[in-house]
Structure formats: C-alpha cells, structure tokens
Amino acid sequence: PPGTRYPLPGATLTKRRGPALPAAALG
C-alpha cells in the first residue's frame, strides 16, 4: 500500500502510490 517505507543502507524509499489492482485480481 502507499505510505510504506523501506529503510536501505544510506536511504529510505517511500511508496507514494498503491497498485491499480490487487494481486488477487490478476488471475
């Protein structure tokens, strides 16, 4: 989901937008 943060060495990545469809909808 959006807002998830991922600490990495020397940086933190932040997800700002979630997926257009959930994985379960893909088949």
mmCIF file of all heavy atoms, coordinates in Angstrom:
data_MODEL
# 
_entry.id   MODEL 
# 
loop_
_atom_site.group_PDB 
_atom_site.id 
_atom_site.type_symbol 
_atom_site.label_atom_id 
_atom_site.label_alt_id 
_atom_site.label_comp_id 
_atom_site.label_asym_id 
_atom_site.label_entity_id 
_atom_site.label_seq_id 
_atom_site.pdbx_PDB_ins_code 
_atom_site.Cartn_x 
_atom_site.Cartn_y 
_atom_site.Cartn_z 
_atom_site.occupancy 
_atom_site.B_iso_or_equiv 
_atom_site.pdbx_formal_charge 
_atom_site.auth_seq_id 
_atom_site.auth_comp_id 
_atom_site.auth_asym_id 
_atom_site.auth_atom_id 
_atom_site.pdbx_PDB_model_num 
ATOM 1   N N   . PRO A 1 1  ? 0.824  -1.215  0.000   1.00 0.00 ? 1  PRO A N   1 
ATOM 2   C CA  . PRO A 1 1  ? 0.000  0.000   0.000   1.00 0.00 ? 1  PRO A CA  1 
ATOM 3   C C   . PRO A 1 1  ? 0.858  1.265   0.000   1.00 0.00 ? 1  PRO A C   1 
ATOM 4   O O   . PRO A 1 1  ? 2.038  1.230   0.385   1.00 0.00 ? 1  PRO A O   1 
ATOM 5   C CB  . PRO A 1 1  ? -0.802 -0.122  1.294   1.00 0.00 ? 1  PRO A CB  1 
ATOM 6   C CG  . PRO A 1 1  ? 0.054  -0.961  2.189   1.00 0.00 ? 1  PRO A CG  1 
ATOM 7   C CD  . PRO A 1 1  ? 0.756  -1.934  1.281   1.00 0.00 ? 1  PRO A CD  1 
ATOM 8   N N   . PRO A 1 2  ? 0.284  2.403   -0.407  1.00 0.00 ? 2  PRO A N   1 
ATOM 9   C CA  . PRO A 1 2  ? 1.022  3.669   -0.346  1.00 0.00 ? 2  PRO A CA  1 
ATOM 10  C C   . PRO A 1 2  ? 1.351  4.029   1.096   1.00 0.00 ? 2  PRO A C   1 
ATOM 11  O O   . PRO A 1 2  ? 0.639  3.655   2.033   1.00 0.00 ? 2  PRO A O   1 
ATOM 12  C CB  . PRO A 1 2  ? 0.051  4.679   -0.962  1.00 0.00 ? 2  PRO A CB  1 
ATOM 13  C CG  . PRO A 1 2  ? -1.296 4.051   -0.823  1.00 0.00 ? 2  PRO A CG  1 
ATOM 14  C CD  . PRO A 1 2  ? -1.081 2.578   -0.915  1.00 0.00 ? 2  PRO A CD  1 
ATOM 15  N N   . GLY A 1 3  ? 2.445  4.742   1.254   1.00 0.00 ? 3  GLY A N   1 
ATOM 16  C CA  . GLY A 1 3  ? 2.915  5.115   2.590   1.00 0.00 ? 3  GLY A CA  1 
ATOM 17  C C   . GLY A 1 3  ? 3.910  4.142   3.180   1.00 0.00 ? 3  GLY A C   1 
ATOM 18  O O   . GLY A 1 3  ? 4.540  4.442   4.208   1.00 0.00 ? 3  GLY A O   1 
ATOM 19  N N   . THR A 1 4  ? 4.079  2.982   2.562   1.00 0.00 ? 4  THR A N   1 
ATOM 20  C CA  . THR A 1 4  ? 5.058  2.011   3.061   1.00 0.00 ? 4  THR A CA  1 
ATOM 21  C C   . THR A 1 4  ? 6.462  2.570   2.888   1.00 0.00 ? 4  THR A C   1 
ATOM 22  O O   . THR A 1 4  ? 6.798  3.146   1.848   1.00 0.00 ? 4  THR A O   1 
ATOM 23  C CB  . THR A 1 4  ? 4.936  0.671   2.311   1.00 0.00 ? 4  THR A CB  1 
ATOM 24  O OG1 . THR A 1 4  ? 3.573  0.236   2.338   1.00 0.00 ? 4  THR A OG1 1 
ATOM 25  C CG2 . THR A 1 4  ? 5.821  -0.388  2.946   1.00 0.00 ? 4  THR A CG2 1 
ATOM 26  N N   . ARG A 1 5  ? 7.279  2.398   3.934   1.00 0.00 ? 5  ARG A N   1 
ATOM 27  C CA  . ARG A 1 5  ? 8.663  2.892   3.908   1.00 0.00 ? 5  ARG A CA  1 
ATOM 28  C C   . ARG A 1 5  ? 9.620  1.701   3.963   1.00 0.00 ? 5  ARG A C   1 
ATOM 29  O O   . ARG A 1 5  ? 9.340  0.708   4.620   1.00 0.00 ? 5  ARG A O   1 
ATOM 30  C CB  . ARG A 1 5  ? 8.916  3.832   5.089   1.00 0.00 ? 5  ARG A CB  1 
ATOM 31  C CG  . ARG A 1 5  ? 8.135  5.140   4.985   1.00 0.00 ? 5  ARG A CG  1 
ATOM 32  C CD  . ARG A 1 5  ? 8.146  5.907   6.298   1.00 0.00 ? 5  ARG A CD  1 
ATOM 33  N NE  . ARG A 1 5  ? 9.491  6.236   6.744   1.00 0.00 ? 5  ARG A NE  1 
ATOM 34  C CZ  . ARG A 1 5  ? 10.175 7.311   6.347   1.00 0.00 ? 5  ARG A CZ  1 
ATOM 35  N NH1 . ARG A 1 5  ? 9.639  8.143   5.474   1.00 0.00 ? 5  ARG A NH1 1 
ATOM 36  N NH2 . ARG A 1 5  ? 11.383 7.545   6.807   1.00 0.00 ? 5  ARG A NH2 1 
ATOM 37  N N   . TYR A 1 6  ? 10.749 1.858   3.277   1.00 0.00 ? 6  TYR A N   1 
ATOM 38  C CA  . TYR A 1 6  ? 11.717 0.770   3.163   1.00 0.00 ? 6  TYR A CA  1 
ATOM 39  C C   . TYR A 1 6  ? 13.111 1.314   3.483   1.00 0.00 ? 6  TYR A C   1 
ATOM 40  O O   . TYR A 1 6  ? 13.741 1.945   2.638   1.00 0.00 ? 6  TYR A O   1 
ATOM 41  C CB  . TYR A 1 6  ? 11.719 0.190   1.744   1.00 0.00 ? 6  TYR A CB  1 
ATOM 42  C CG  . TYR A 1 6  ? 10.352 -0.201  1.243   1.00 0.00 ? 6  TYR A CG  1 
ATOM 43  C CD1 . TYR A 1 6  ? 9.535  0.737   0.627   1.00 0.00 ? 6  TYR A CD1 1 
ATOM 44  C CD2 . TYR A 1 6  ? 9.878  -1.502  1.389   1.00 0.00 ? 6  TYR A CD2 1 
ATOM 45  C CE1 . TYR A 1 6  ? 8.280  0.387   0.158   1.00 0.00 ? 6  TYR A CE1 1 
ATOM 46  C CE2 . TYR A 1 6  ? 8.618  -1.856  0.922   1.00 0.00 ? 6  TYR A CE2 1 
ATOM 47  C CZ  . TYR A 1 6  ? 7.821  -0.901  0.312   1.00 0.00 ? 6  TYR A CZ  1 
ATOM 48  O OH  . TYR A 1 6  ? 6.580  -1.239  -0.150  1.00 0.00 ? 6  TYR A OH  1 
ATOM 49  N N   . PRO A 1 7  ? 13.582 1.099   4.709   1.00 0.00 ? 7  PRO A N   1 
ATOM 50  C CA  . PRO A 1 7  ? 14.937 1.556   5.045   1.00 0.00 ? 7  PRO A CA  1 
ATOM 51  C C   . PRO A 1 7  ? 15.988 0.743   4.289   1.00 0.00 ? 7  PRO A C   1 
ATOM 52  O O   . PRO A 1 7  ? 15.940 -0.492  4.253   1.00 0.00 ? 7  PRO A O   1 
ATOM 53  C CB  . PRO A 1 7  ? 15.037 1.308   6.553   1.00 0.00 ? 7  PRO A CB  1 
ATOM 54  C CG  . PRO A 1 7  ? 13.632 1.104   7.023   1.00 0.00 ? 7  PRO A CG  1 
ATOM 55  C CD  . PRO A 1 7  ? 12.899 0.505   5.867   1.00 0.00 ? 7  PRO A CD  1 
ATOM 56  N N   . LEU A 1 8  ? 16.921 1.443   3.656   1.00 0.00 ? 8  LEU A N   1 
ATOM 57  C CA  . LEU A 1 8  ? 18.047 0.828   2.961   1.00 0.00 ? 8  LEU A CA  1 
ATOM 58  C C   . LEU A 1 8  ? 19.323 1.460   3.491   1.00 0.00 ? 8  LEU A C   1 
ATOM 59  O O   . LEU A 1 8  ? 19.293 2.535   4.091   1.00 0.00 ? 8  LEU A O   1 
ATOM 60  C CB  . LEU A 1 8  ? 17.944 1.070   1.451   1.00 0.00 ? 8  LEU A CB  1 
ATOM 61  C CG  . LEU A 1 8  ? 16.720 0.506   0.727   1.00 0.00 ? 8  LEU A CG  1 
ATOM 62  C CD1 . LEU A 1 8  ? 16.734 0.966   -0.729  1.00 0.00 ? 8  LEU A CD1 1 
ATOM 63  C CD2 . LEU A 1 8  ? 16.706 -1.002  0.811   1.00 0.00 ? 8  LEU A CD2 1 
ATOM 64  N N   . PRO A 1 9  ? 20.466 0.841   3.265   1.00 0.00 ? 9  PRO A N   1 
ATOM 65  C CA  . PRO A 1 9  ? 21.721 1.490   3.668   1.00 0.00 ? 9  PRO A CA  1 
ATOM 66  C C   . PRO A 1 9  ? 21.868 2.847   2.982   1.00 0.00 ? 9  PRO A C   1 
ATOM 67  O O   . PRO A 1 9  ? 21.895 2.942   1.763   1.00 0.00 ? 9  PRO A O   1 
ATOM 68  C CB  . PRO A 1 9  ? 22.793 0.504   3.179   1.00 0.00 ? 9  PRO A CB  1 
ATOM 69  C CG  . PRO A 1 9  ? 22.093 -0.820  3.133   1.00 0.00 ? 9  PRO A CG  1 
ATOM 70  C CD  . PRO A 1 9  ? 20.687 -0.510  2.724   1.00 0.00 ? 9  PRO A CD  1 
ATOM 71  N N   . GLY A 1 10 ? 21.877 3.903   3.763   1.00 0.00 ? 10 GLY A N   1 
ATOM 72  C CA  . GLY A 1 10 ? 22.093 5.241   3.219   1.00 0.00 ? 10 GLY A CA  1 
ATOM 73  C C   . GLY A 1 10 ? 20.859 5.920   2.670   1.00 0.00 ? 10 GLY A C   1 
ATOM 74  O O   . GLY A 1 10 ? 20.938 7.052   2.179   1.00 0.00 ? 10 GLY A O   1 
ATOM 75  N N   . ALA A 1 11 ? 19.683 5.283   2.733   1.00 0.00 ? 11 ALA A N   1 
ATOM 76  C CA  . ALA A 1 11 ? 18.476 5.908   2.183   1.00 0.00 ? 11 ALA A CA  1 
ATOM 77  C C   . ALA A 1 11 ? 17.241 5.165   2.682   1.00 0.00 ? 11 ALA A C   1 
ATOM 78  O O   . ALA A 1 11 ? 17.318 4.013   3.119   1.00 0.00 ? 11 ALA A O   1 
ATOM 79  C CB  . ALA A 1 11 ? 18.501 5.876   0.655   1.00 0.00 ? 11 ALA A CB  1 
ATOM 80  N N   . THR A 1 12 ? 16.114 5.854   2.629   1.00 0.00 ? 12 THR A N   1 
ATOM 81  C CA  . THR A 1 12 ? 14.811 5.227   2.881   1.00 0.00 ? 12 THR A CA  1 
ATOM 82  C C   . THR A 1 12 ? 13.912 5.540   1.704   1.00 0.00 ? 12 THR A C   1 
ATOM 83  O O   . THR A 1 12 ? 13.728 6.700   1.335   1.00 0.00 ? 12 THR A O   1 
ATOM 84  C CB  . THR A 1 12 ? 14.174 5.759   4.176   1.00 0.00 ? 12 THR A CB  1 
ATOM 85  O OG1 . THR A 1 12 ? 14.984 5.377   5.291   1.00 0.00 ? 12 THR A OG1 1 
ATOM 86  C CG2 . THR A 1 12 ? 12.773 5.190   4.365   1.00 0.00 ? 12 THR A CG2 1 
ATOM 87  N N   . LEU A 1 13 ? 13.366 4.498   1.073   1.00 0.00 ? 13 LEU A N   1 
ATOM 88  C CA  . LEU A 1 13 ? 12.440 4.689   -0.028  1.00 0.00 ? 13 LEU A CA  1 
ATOM 89  C C   . LEU A 1 13 ? 11.012 4.720   0.524   1.00 0.00 ? 13 LEU A C   1 
ATOM 90  O O   . LEU A 1 13 ? 10.677 3.956   1.424   1.00 0.00 ? 13 LEU A O   1 
ATOM 91  C CB  . LEU A 1 13 ? 12.555 3.553   -1.047  1.00 0.00 ? 13 LEU A CB  1 
ATOM 92  C CG  . LEU A 1 13 ? 13.937 3.266   -1.643  1.00 0.00 ? 13 LEU A CG  1 
ATOM 93  C CD1 . LEU A 1 13 ? 13.819 2.255   -2.778  1.00 0.00 ? 13 LEU A CD1 1 
ATOM 94  C CD2 . LEU A 1 13 ? 14.604 4.535   -2.128  1.00 0.00 ? 13 LEU A CD2 1 
ATOM 95  N N   . THR A 1 14 ? 10.196 5.600   -0.017  1.00 0.00 ? 14 THR A N   1 
ATOM 96  C CA  . THR A 1 14 ? 8.803  5.710   0.416   1.00 0.00 ? 14 THR A CA  1 
ATOM 97  C C   . THR A 1 14 ? 7.891  5.525   -0.794  1.00 0.00 ? 14 THR A C   1 
ATOM 98  O O   . THR A 1 14 ? 8.059  6.194   -1.814  1.00 0.00 ? 14 THR A O   1 
ATOM 99  C CB  . THR A 1 14 ? 8.522  7.079   1.052   1.00 0.00 ? 14 THR A CB  1 
ATOM 100 O OG1 . THR A 1 14 ? 9.394  7.259   2.168   1.00 0.00 ? 14 THR A OG1 1 
ATOM 101 C CG2 . THR A 1 14 ? 7.073  7.158   1.540   1.00 0.00 ? 14 THR A CG2 1 
ATOM 102 N N   . LYS A 1 15 ? 6.928  4.627   -0.647  1.00 0.00 ? 15 LYS A N   1 
ATOM 103 C CA  . LYS A 1 15 ? 5.966  4.385   -1.713  1.00 0.00 ? 15 LYS A CA  1 
ATOM 104 C C   . LYS A 1 15 ? 4.815  5.378   -1.574  1.00 0.00 ? 15 LYS A C   1 
ATOM 105 O O   . LYS A 1 15 ? 4.188  5.476   -0.520  1.00 0.00 ? 15 LYS A O   1 
ATOM 106 C CB  . LYS A 1 15 ? 5.448  2.947   -1.639  1.00 0.00 ? 15 LYS A CB  1 
ATOM 107 C CG  . LYS A 1 15 ? 4.608  2.539   -2.837  1.00 0.00 ? 15 LYS A CG  1 
ATOM 108 C CD  . LYS A 1 15 ? 4.312  1.052   -2.819  1.00 0.00 ? 15 LYS A CD  1 
ATOM 109 C CE  . LYS A 1 15 ? 3.669  0.607   -4.118  1.00 0.00 ? 15 LYS A CE  1 
ATOM 110 N NZ  . LYS A 1 15 ? 3.408  -0.841  -4.143  1.00 0.00 ? 15 LYS A NZ  1 
ATOM 111 N N   . ARG A 1 16 ? 4.534  6.117   -2.633  1.00 0.00 ? 16 ARG A N   1 
ATOM 112 C CA  . ARG A 1 16 ? 3.512  7.168   -2.577  1.00 0.00 ? 16 ARG A CA  1 
ATOM 113 C C   . ARG A 1 16 ? 2.199  6.772   -3.237  1.00 0.00 ? 16 ARG A C   1 
ATOM 114 O O   . ARG A 1 16 ? 1.185  7.436   -3.039  1.00 0.00 ? 16 ARG A O   1 
ATOM 115 C CB  . ARG A 1 16 ? 4.054  8.437   -3.242  1.00 0.00 ? 16 ARG A CB  1 
ATOM 116 C CG  . ARG A 1 16 ? 5.183  9.088   -2.445  1.00 0.00 ? 16 ARG A CG  1 
ATOM 117 C CD  . ARG A 1 16 ? 5.732  10.286  -3.160  1.00 0.00 ? 16 ARG A CD  1 
ATOM 118 N NE  . ARG A 1 16 ? 6.654  11.039  -2.312  1.00 0.00 ? 16 ARG A NE  1 
ATOM 119 C CZ  . ARG A 1 16 ? 7.509  11.947  -2.761  1.00 0.00 ? 16 ARG A CZ  1 
ATOM 120 N NH1 . ARG A 1 16 ? 7.563  12.213  -4.060  1.00 0.00 ? 16 ARG A NH1 1 
ATOM 121 N NH2 . ARG A 1 16 ? 8.298  12.586  -1.935  1.00 0.00 ? 16 ARG A NH2 1 
ATOM 122 N N   . ARG A 1 17 ? 2.219  5.726   -4.049  1.00 0.00 ? 17 ARG A N   1 
ATOM 123 C CA  . ARG A 1 17 ? 1.006  5.328   -4.760  1.00 0.00 ? 17 ARG A CA  1 
ATOM 124 C C   . ARG A 1 17 ? 0.881  3.815   -4.740  1.00 0.00 ? 17 ARG A C   1 
ATOM 125 O O   . ARG A 1 17 ? 1.849  3.101   -4.974  1.00 0.00 ? 17 ARG A O   1 
ATOM 126 C CB  . ARG A 1 17 ? 1.062  5.829   -6.203  1.00 0.00 ? 17 ARG A CB  1 
ATOM 127 C CG  . ARG A 1 17 ? -0.275 5.773   -6.926  1.00 0.00 ? 17 ARG A CG  1 
ATOM 128 C CD  . ARG A 1 17 ? -0.111 6.252   -8.371  1.00 0.00 ? 17 ARG A CD  1 
ATOM 129 N NE  . ARG A 1 17 ? 0.408  7.590   -8.447  1.00 0.00 ? 17 ARG A NE  1 
ATOM 130 C CZ  . ARG A 1 17 ? -0.325 8.694   -8.354  1.00 0.00 ? 17 ARG A CZ  1 
ATOM 131 N NH1 . ARG A 1 17 ? -1.624 8.588   -8.163  1.00 0.00 ? 17 ARG A NH1 1 
ATOM 132 N NH2 . ARG A 1 17 ? 0.230  9.871   -8.446  1.00 0.00 ? 17 ARG A NH2 1 
ATOM 133 N N   . GLY A 1 18 ? -0.323 3.335   -4.448  1.00 0.00 ? 18 GLY A N   1 
ATOM 134 C CA  . GLY A 1 18 ? -0.551 1.900   -4.399  1.00 0.00 ? 18 GLY A CA  1 
ATOM 135 C C   . GLY A 1 18 ? -0.857 1.325   -5.771  1.00 0.00 ? 18 GLY A C   1 
ATOM 136 O O   . GLY A 1 18 ? -0.961 2.051   -6.774  1.00 0.00 ? 18 GLY A O   1 
ATOM 137 N N   . PRO A 1 19 ? -1.025 0.001   -5.854  1.00 0.00 ? 19 PRO A N   1 
ATOM 138 C CA  . PRO A 1 19 ? -1.286 -0.636  -7.143  1.00 0.00 ? 19 PRO A CA  1 
ATOM 139 C C   . PRO A 1 19 ? -2.675 -0.305  -7.667  1.00 0.00 ? 19 PRO A C   1 
ATOM 140 O O   . PRO A 1 19 ? -3.613 -0.097  -6.890  1.00 0.00 ? 19 PRO A O   1 
ATOM 141 C CB  . PRO A 1 19 ? -1.149 -2.130  -6.825  1.00 0.00 ? 19 PRO A CB  1 
ATOM 142 C CG  . PRO A 1 19 ? -1.494 -2.234  -5.376  1.00 0.00 ? 19 PRO A CG  1 
ATOM 143 C CD  . PRO A 1 19 ? -0.970 -0.971  -4.741  1.00 0.00 ? 19 PRO A CD  1 
ATOM 144 N N   . ALA A 1 20 ? -2.805 -0.272  -8.988  1.00 0.00 ? 20 ALA A N   1 
ATOM 145 C CA  . ALA A 1 20 ? -4.113 -0.006  -9.599  1.00 0.00 ? 20 ALA A CA  1 
ATOM 146 C C   . ALA A 1 20 ? -5.078 -1.159  -9.373  1.00 0.00 ? 20 ALA A C   1 
ATOM 147 O O   . ALA A 1 20 ? -6.297 -0.954  -9.323  1.00 0.00 ? 20 ALA A O   1 
ATOM 148 C CB  . ALA A 1 20 ? -3.942 0.252   -11.090 1.00 0.00 ? 20 ALA A CB  1 
ATOM 149 N N   . LEU A 1 21 ? -4.546 -2.371  -9.254  1.00 0.00 ? 21 LEU A N   1 
ATOM 150 C CA  . LEU A 1 21 ? -5.342 -3.557  -8.979  1.00 0.00 ? 21 LEU A CA  1 
ATOM 151 C C   . LEU A 1 21 ? -4.614 -4.396  -7.942  1.00 0.00 ? 21 LEU A C   1 
ATOM 152 O O   . LEU A 1 21 ? -3.374 -4.433  -7.948  1.00 0.00 ? 21 LEU A O   1 
ATOM 153 C CB  . LEU A 1 21 ? -5.539 -4.396  -10.247 1.00 0.00 ? 21 LEU A CB  1 
ATOM 154 C CG  . LEU A 1 21 ? -6.318 -3.780  -11.414 1.00 0.00 ? 21 LEU A CG  1 
ATOM 155 C CD1 . LEU A 1 21 ? -6.223 -4.688  -12.634 1.00 0.00 ? 21 LEU A CD1 1 
ATOM 156 C CD2 . LEU A 1 21 ? -7.764 -3.544  -11.026 1.00 0.00 ? 21 LEU A CD2 1 
ATOM 157 N N   . PRO A 1 22 ? -5.329 -5.097  -7.077  1.00 0.00 ? 22 PRO A N   1 
ATOM 158 C CA  . PRO A 1 22 ? -4.656 -6.007  -6.146  1.00 0.00 ? 22 PRO A CA  1 
ATOM 159 C C   . PRO A 1 22 ? -4.144 -7.234  -6.879  1.00 0.00 ? 22 PRO A C   1 
ATOM 160 O O   . PRO A 1 22 ? -4.665 -7.623  -7.942  1.00 0.00 ? 22 PRO A O   1 
ATOM 161 C CB  . PRO A 1 22 ? -5.755 -6.371  -5.152  1.00 0.00 ? 22 PRO A CB  1 
ATOM 162 C CG  . PRO A 1 22 ? -7.025 -6.219  -5.928  1.00 0.00 ? 22 PRO A CG  1 
ATOM 163 C CD  . PRO A 1 22 ? -6.798 -5.078  -6.893  1.00 0.00 ? 22 PRO A CD  1 
ATOM 164 N N   . ALA A 1 23 ? -3.147 -7.862  -6.314  1.00 0.00 ? 23 ALA A N   1 
ATOM 165 C CA  . ALA A 1 23 ? -2.577 -9.056  -6.946  1.00 0.00 ? 23 ALA A CA  1 
ATOM 166 C C   . ALA A 1 23 ? -3.638 -10.134 -7.151  1.00 0.00 ? 23 ALA A C   1 
ATOM 167 O O   . ALA A 1 23 ? -3.623 -10.847 -8.160  1.00 0.00 ? 23 ALA A O   1 
ATOM 168 C CB  . ALA A 1 23 ? -1.428 -9.595  -6.094  1.00 0.00 ? 23 ALA A CB  1 
ATOM 169 N N   . ALA A 1 24 ? -4.586 -10.240 -6.225  1.00 0.00 ? 24 ALA A N   1 
ATOM 170 C CA  . ALA A 1 24 ? -5.608 -11.288 -6.317  1.00 0.00 ? 24 ALA A CA  1 
ATOM 171 C C   . ALA A 1 24 ? -6.518 -11.115 -7.518  1.00 0.00 ? 24 ALA A C   1 
ATOM 172 O O   . ALA A 1 24 ? -7.185 -12.063 -7.946  1.00 0.00 ? 24 ALA A O   1 
ATOM 173 C CB  . ALA A 1 24 ? -6.440 -11.298 -5.040  1.00 0.00 ? 24 ALA A CB  1 
ATOM 174 N N   . ALA A 1 25 ? -6.563 -9.903  -8.095  1.00 0.00 ? 25 ALA A N   1 
ATOM 175 C CA  . ALA A 1 25 ? -7.448 -9.642  -9.230  1.00 0.00 ? 25 ALA A CA  1 
ATOM 176 C C   . ALA A 1 25 ? -6.827 -10.024 -10.570 1.00 0.00 ? 25 ALA A C   1 
ATOM 177 O O   . ALA A 1 25 ? -7.512 -9.968  -11.593 1.00 0.00 ? 25 ALA A O   1 
ATOM 178 C CB  . ALA A 1 25 ? -7.833 -8.160  -9.252  1.00 0.00 ? 25 ALA A CB  1 
ATOM 179 N N   . LEU A 1 26 ? -5.572 -10.414 -10.572 1.00 0.00 ? 26 LEU A N   1 
ATOM 180 C CA  . LEU A 1 26 ? -4.875 -10.628 -11.836 1.00 0.00 ? 26 LEU A CA  1 
ATOM 181 C C   . LEU A 1 26 ? -5.142 -11.992 -12.452 1.00 0.00 ? 26 LEU A C   1 
ATOM 182 O O   . LEU A 1 26 ? -5.010 -12.165 -13.664 1.00 0.00 ? 26 LEU A O   1 
ATOM 183 C CB  . LEU A 1 26 ? -3.361 -10.469 -11.640 1.00 0.00 ? 26 LEU A CB  1 
ATOM 184 C CG  . LEU A 1 26 ? -2.883 -9.120  -11.109 1.00 0.00 ? 26 LEU A CG  1 
ATOM 185 C CD1 . LEU A 1 26 ? -1.366 -9.104  -11.047 1.00 0.00 ? 26 LEU A CD1 1 
ATOM 186 C CD2 . LEU A 1 26 ? -3.410 -7.978  -11.952 1.00 0.00 ? 26 LEU A CD2 1 
ATOM 187 N N   . GLY A 1 27 ? -5.457 -12.975 -11.655 1.00 0.00 ? 27 GLY A N   1 
ATOM 188 C CA  . GLY A 1 27 ? -5.578 -14.330 -12.169 1.00 0.00 ? 27 GLY A CA  1 
ATOM 189 C C   . GLY A 1 27 ? -4.207 -14.970 -12.321 1.00 0.00 ? 27 GLY A C   1 
ATOM 190 O O   . GLY A 1 27 ? -3.172 -14.405 -11.932 1.00 0.00 ? 27 GLY A O   1 
# 
